[in-house]
């Protein structure tokens, strides 16, 4: 699992497992399906987590810029 710490490796493994599933429908087990589902969920959670961090940074920047603009408008010192 160490190699799945990067998104590229994780996505490559998911795609590889999807190809295997299509090619080996008769030998594809419930355990294989569970692993694939876990990897897909891991990717979705990771993507969502990083997206929420980036959005929070953008919101904090907007708030700080708005606060600065309001203080400049009123001639107040920035603390």
Protein backbone atom coordinates (compact mmCIF):
# COMPACT_ATOMS: atom_id res chain seq x y z
CA UNK A 1 0.00 0.00 0.00
CA UNK A 2 2.97 2.33 0.36
CA UNK A 3 2.96 3.04 -3.37
CA UNK A 4 -0.64 4.30 -3.19
CA UNK A 5 0.34 7.42 -1.26
CA UNK A 6 0.45 9.33 -4.54
CA UNK A 7 -2.69 9.97 -6.55
CA UNK A 8 -1.07 8.82 -9.78
CA UNK A 9 -0.12 5.41 -8.40
CA UNK A 10 -3.52 4.98 -6.78
CA UNK A 11 -5.34 5.84 -10.00
CA UNK A 12 -3.07 3.52 -11.97
CA UNK A 13 -3.88 0.65 -9.59
CA UNK A 14 -7.62 1.35 -9.80
CA UNK A 15 -7.49 1.33 -13.60
CA UNK A 16 -5.41 -1.86 -13.61
CA UNK A 17 -7.93 -3.58 -11.33
CA UNK A 18 -10.82 -2.43 -13.55
CA UNK A 19 -9.09 -3.95 -16.59
CA UNK A 20 -8.49 -7.19 -14.70
CA UNK A 21 -12.14 -7.28 -13.62
CA UNK A 22 -13.32 -6.85 -17.22
CA UNK A 23 -10.96 -9.56 -18.47
CA UNK A 24 -11.47 -12.09 -15.69
CA UNK A 25 -15.13 -11.89 -14.81
CA UNK A 26 -15.28 -15.60 -14.00
CA UNK A 27 -12.35 -15.50 -11.55
CA UNK A 28 -13.04 -12.06 -10.07
CA UNK A 29 -13.89 -12.61 -6.39
CA UNK A 30 -15.89 -10.68 -3.84
CA UNK A 31 -12.62 -9.91 -2.08
CA UNK A 32 -11.21 -8.38 -5.26
CA UNK A 33 -14.32 -6.26 -5.62
CA UNK A 34 -14.00 -5.15 -1.98
CA UNK A 35 -10.39 -4.07 -2.53
CA UNK A 36 -11.33 -2.14 -5.66
CA UNK A 37 -14.21 -0.44 -3.82
CA UNK A 38 -11.83 0.49 -0.98
CA UNK A 39 -9.28 2.00 -3.38
CA UNK A 40 -11.96 4.00 -5.21
CA UNK A 41 -13.33 5.27 -1.90
CA UNK A 42 -9.81 6.17 -0.74
CA UNK A 43 -9.27 8.20 -3.90
CA UNK A 44 -12.60 10.01 -3.51
CA UNK A 45 -11.93 10.81 0.16
CA UNK A 46 -8.41 12.02 -0.61
CA UNK A 47 -9.62 14.23 -3.46
CA UNK A 48 -12.43 15.66 -1.33
CA UNK A 49 -10.06 16.33 1.58
CA UNK A 50 -7.54 18.24 -0.52
CA UNK A 51 -10.30 20.15 -2.29
CA UNK A 52 -11.81 21.23 1.05
CA UNK A 53 -8.41 22.41 2.30
CA UNK A 54 -7.90 24.50 -0.83
CA UNK A 55 -11.40 25.96 -0.58
CA UNK A 56 -10.87 26.84 3.10
CA UNK A 57 -7.64 28.67 2.18
CA UNK A 58 -9.47 30.62 -0.53
CA UNK A 59 -12.27 31.56 1.85
CA UNK A 60 -9.80 32.69 4.52
CA UNK A 61 -8.03 34.84 1.91
CA UNK A 62 -11.32 36.40 0.80
CA UNK A 63 -12.22 37.19 4.41
CA UNK A 64 -8.79 38.74 5.08
CA UNK A 65 -8.94 40.81 1.88
CA UNK A 66 -12.47 41.98 2.68
CA UNK A 67 -11.43 42.89 6.22
CA UNK A 68 -8.43 44.83 4.91
CA UNK A 69 -10.59 46.63 2.36
CA UNK A 70 -13.13 47.58 5.04
CA UNK A 71 -10.38 48.88 7.33
CA UNK A 72 -8.83 50.89 4.48
CA UNK A 73 -12.23 52.31 3.61
CA UNK A 74 -12.74 53.54 7.16
CA UNK A 75 -9.13 54.68 7.53
CA UNK A 76 -8.44 52.23 10.33
CA UNK A 77 -5.03 50.79 11.08
CA UNK A 78 -4.48 47.13 10.31
CA UNK A 79 -3.49 45.25 13.44
